[in-house]
Amino acid sequence: MKRILLLLLTAVILQLPAAAQKLKTLPDNAPASFATELNRLLADAYFDFKNTIDAEIPGTEDDILIAYYSKVQLPFADSCFMEEALNDYLETYHQFIANFGQFPTRGAASVNFKKIAQYINKSNYNSGQLQQKTTEDKEKLVLQSWQLKPNKGNANTKVELSMTEKKVWPAGSSKSELAWVIELRVY
């Protein structure tokens, strides 16, 4: 009996590193397509993403704000889509959202968050027109933002990278759990 328990315990211990390896870890350097696609988004932001918006996502037509597929797909993102949003004057505008995964701990998410921030910094939009603006680091939220230098009416174009602890519903589960979620927004 002791031998069976010892074998079971050994099997569980041997599986732990394999489970940890299932977490997505991004490479130190982004592929060139990351900067190309981000630059494409930033150029189209001035036009409210009219060249980026694709077909409406089924099931959102009855929502107050509609979601759309995106023609731009950032490397390493789990999903990319466009969404209508409301400004302070209740006018609609579009924003691009890329989800980069869910992580069980802040530390696991932080590794990828820092790499994505590095990718954005290295994208060199329009010869340095994208400036890093703010960083917030709170208990349940880390936010890094960039803004385009004012040029041809794009003074309000922003890029936000967030790492937030949220309730998520794992596939096939009716029970929610807390996870750290990384999102990139361009608006």
Protein backbone atom coordinates (compact mmCIF):
# COMPACT_ATOMS: atom_id res chain seq x y z
CA MET A 1 0.00 0.00 0.00
CA LYS A 2 2.83 2.38 0.87
CA ARG A 3 4.49 1.59 -2.44
CA ILE A 4 1.30 2.42 -4.40
CA LEU A 5 0.92 5.73 -2.54
CA LEU A 6 4.59 6.52 -3.19
CA LEU A 7 4.15 5.78 -6.92
CA LEU A 8 1.02 7.95 -7.09
CA LEU A 9 2.76 10.81 -5.29
CA THR A 10 5.76 10.53 -7.61
CA ALA A 11 3.46 10.61 -10.65
CA VAL A 12 1.75 13.76 -9.38
CA ILE A 13 5.08 15.47 -8.66
CA LEU A 14 6.42 14.55 -12.11
CA GLN A 15 3.32 16.05 -13.73
CA LEU A 16 3.70 19.45 -11.99
CA PRO A 17 6.50 20.77 -14.21
CA ALA A 18 4.57 19.63 -17.30
CA ALA A 19 1.49 21.55 -16.14
CA ALA A 20 3.58 24.65 -15.53
CA GLN A 21 5.00 24.39 -19.06
CA LYS A 22 1.48 24.63 -20.55
CA LEU A 23 1.41 28.34 -19.68
CA LYS A 24 2.05 30.46 -22.72
CA THR A 25 5.43 32.19 -22.59
CA LEU A 26 6.18 34.66 -25.34
CA PRO A 27 9.59 34.93 -27.00
CA ASP A 28 11.89 37.84 -26.09
CA ASN A 29 11.66 39.27 -29.60
CA ALA A 30 8.42 39.76 -31.50
CA PRO A 31 8.15 38.72 -35.12
CA ALA A 32 8.25 41.62 -37.59
CA SER A 33 4.55 41.06 -38.25
CA PHE A 34 3.72 42.33 -34.73
CA ALA A 35 5.02 45.83 -35.53
CA THR A 36 3.52 45.70 -39.03
CA GLU A 37 0.04 44.85 -37.74
CA LEU A 38 0.21 47.32 -34.83
CA ASN A 39 1.30 50.07 -37.22
CA ARG A 40 -1.56 49.17 -39.53
CA LEU A 41 -3.99 49.58 -36.61
CA LEU A 42 -2.52 52.90 -35.55
CA ALA A 43 -2.72 54.28 -39.09
CA ASP A 44 -6.37 53.20 -39.37
CA ALA A 45 -7.38 54.56 -35.94
CA TYR A 46 -7.73 58.05 -37.42
CA PHE A 47 -10.42 56.63 -39.73
CA ASP A 48 -12.26 54.88 -36.86
CA PHE A 49 -10.79 51.56 -38.09
CA LYS A 50 -12.91 51.48 -41.27
CA ASN A 51 -10.21 49.36 -42.97
CA THR A 52 -9.84 47.04 -39.98
CA ILE A 53 -13.48 46.18 -39.23
CA ASP A 54 -14.71 42.96 -40.76
CA ALA A 55 -18.08 41.20 -40.47
CA GLU A 56 -20.25 41.51 -37.40
CA ILE A 57 -19.73 38.76 -34.83
CA PRO A 58 -22.93 36.66 -34.77
CA GLY A 59 -24.97 37.03 -31.62
CA THR A 60 -23.98 40.66 -30.91
CA GLU A 61 -26.63 42.30 -33.12
CA ASP A 62 -29.03 42.60 -30.18
CA ASP A 63 -26.41 44.08 -27.87
CA ILE A 64 -26.28 47.82 -27.30
CA LEU A 65 -22.71 47.88 -28.59
CA ILE A 66 -21.81 45.54 -31.45
CA ALA A 67 -18.61 43.52 -31.84
CA TYR A 68 -16.91 42.80 -35.17
CA TYR A 69 -14.23 40.48 -36.44
CA SER A 70 -10.92 42.22 -37.10
CA LYS A 71 -8.92 42.06 -40.31
CA VAL A 72 -5.82 42.62 -38.16
CA GLN A 73 -4.54 39.70 -36.09
CA LEU A 74 -1.60 40.32 -33.75
CA PRO A 75 0.88 37.46 -33.37
CA PHE A 76 0.51 35.51 -30.10
CA ALA A 77 -2.98 36.91 -29.37
CA ASP A 78 -5.63 34.33 -28.52
CA SER A 79 -8.28 36.53 -30.15
CA CYS A 80 -8.52 39.92 -31.88
CA PHE A 81 -11.76 41.78 -32.54
CA MET A 82 -13.30 45.23 -32.90
CA GLU A 83 -15.87 46.58 -30.50
CA GLU A 84 -18.10 49.63 -30.40
CA ALA A 85 -17.62 51.81 -27.33
CA LEU A 86 -19.12 55.04 -26.00
CA ASN A 87 -17.19 58.22 -25.29
CA ASP A 88 -18.06 60.74 -22.56
CA TYR A 89 -20.63 62.35 -24.88
CA LEU A 90 -22.35 58.99 -25.55
CA GLU A 91 -21.07 58.92 -29.12
CA THR A 92 -19.96 55.57 -30.49
CA TYR A 93 -16.46 54.84 -31.69
CA HIS A 94 -14.56 51.63 -32.40
CA GLN A 95 -11.71 50.03 -30.53
CA PHE A 96 -9.46 47.10 -31.32
CA ILE A 97 -9.04 44.47 -28.60
CA ALA A 98 -6.49 41.65 -28.52
CA ASN A 99 -6.60 39.04 -25.74
CA PHE A 100 -3.27 37.48 -24.85
CA GLY A 101 -4.42 34.82 -22.45
CA GLN A 102 -5.37 34.00 -18.88
CA PHE A 103 -2.82 33.15 -16.21
CA PRO A 104 -3.26 31.65 -12.75
CA THR A 105 -0.93 34.11 -10.99
CA ARG A 106 0.17 37.71 -11.33
CA GLY A 107 3.77 36.55 -11.72
CA ALA A 108 2.95 34.24 -14.63
CA ALA A 109 1.01 37.02 -16.41
CA SER A 110 3.66 39.64 -15.65
CA VAL A 111 6.30 37.86 -17.73
CA ASN A 112 4.19 38.09 -20.89
CA PHE A 113 2.88 41.58 -20.05
CA LYS A 114 6.44 42.92 -19.98
CA LYS A 115 7.28 41.23 -23.28
CA ILE A 116 4.22 42.66 -25.04
CA ALA A 117 5.08 46.14 -23.68
CA GLN A 118 8.57 45.65 -25.12
CA TYR A 119 7.08 44.64 -28.49
CA ILE A 120 5.02 47.85 -28.52
CA ASN A 121 8.01 49.99 -27.58
CA LYS A 122 10.02 48.45 -30.41
CA SER A 123 7.26 48.84 -33.02
CA ASN A 124 8.56 52.36 -33.82
CA TYR A 125 5.33 53.61 -35.35
CA ASN A 126 5.90 56.40 -37.87
CA SER A 127 9.50 56.99 -36.72
CA GLY A 128 8.77 57.30 -33.02
CA GLN A 129 5.33 58.93 -33.04
CA LEU A 130 4.08 56.51 -30.36
CA GLN A 131 5.07 57.78 -26.91
CA GLN A 132 4.87 55.86 -23.66
CA LYS A 133 2.58 57.81 -21.33
CA THR A 134 1.62 56.17 -18.06
CA THR A 135 2.10 53.10 -15.97
CA GLU A 136 -0.23 52.14 -13.14
CA ASP A 137 0.52 49.24 -10.86
CA LYS A 138 -2.23 48.42 -8.42
CA GLU A 139 -3.18 45.26 -6.56
CA LYS A 140 -5.63 43.95 -9.18
CA LEU A 141 -4.56 45.97 -12.25
CA VAL A 142 -1.40 46.85 -14.14
CA LEU A 143 -1.87 49.34 -16.97
CA GLN A 144 0.68 50.64 -19.48
CA SER A 145 -0.40 53.22 -22.03
CA TRP A 146 1.01 54.96 -25.08
CA GLN A 147 -0.31 57.88 -27.11
CA LEU A 148 0.41 59.09 -30.61
CA LYS A 149 2.09 62.48 -30.88
CA PRO A 150 -0.48 64.96 -32.20
CA ASN A 151 -0.30 64.85 -35.99
CA LYS A 152 -3.09 65.17 -38.56
CA GLY A 153 -5.92 64.82 -36.03
CA ASN A 154 -4.72 61.66 -34.27
CA ALA A 155 -4.01 63.33 -30.91
CA ASN A 156 -6.46 61.05 -29.12
CA THR A 157 -5.19 57.71 -30.45
CA LYS A 158 -4.10 55.51 -27.56
CA VAL A 159 -2.71 52.05 -26.99
CA GLU A 160 -3.41 50.43 -23.63
CA LEU A 161 -1.97 47.20 -22.36
CA SER A 162 -3.63 45.88 -19.24
CA MET A 163 -3.11 42.95 -16.91
CA THR A 164 -6.18 42.54 -14.71
CA GLU A 165 -7.34 39.99 -12.19
CA LYS A 166 -10.84 38.98 -13.31
CA LYS A 167 -13.41 36.26 -12.84
CA VAL A 168 -13.26 33.88 -15.79
CA TRP A 169 -15.29 30.84 -16.74
CA PRO A 170 -13.04 28.01 -17.96
CA ALA A 171 -14.35 26.09 -20.98
CA GLY A 172 -16.79 23.39 -19.96
CA SER A 173 -17.12 24.71 -16.41
CA SER A 174 -20.12 26.34 -14.76
CA LYS A 175 -17.93 27.69 -11.98
CA SER A 176 -15.91 30.90 -12.22
CA GLU A 177 -12.36 31.33 -11.00
CA LEU A 178 -9.93 34.22 -10.70
CA ALA A 179 -7.26 34.62 -13.37
CA TRP A 180 -4.94 37.34 -14.61
CA VAL A 181 -6.00 38.45 -18.10
CA ILE A 182 -3.81 40.40 -20.55
CA GLU A 183 -5.54 42.68 -23.07
CA LEU A 184 -4.28 45.19 -25.61
CA ARG A 185 -6.62 47.97 -26.75
CA VAL A 186 -6.14 50.51 -29.51
CA TYR A 187 -8.65 53.36 -29.75
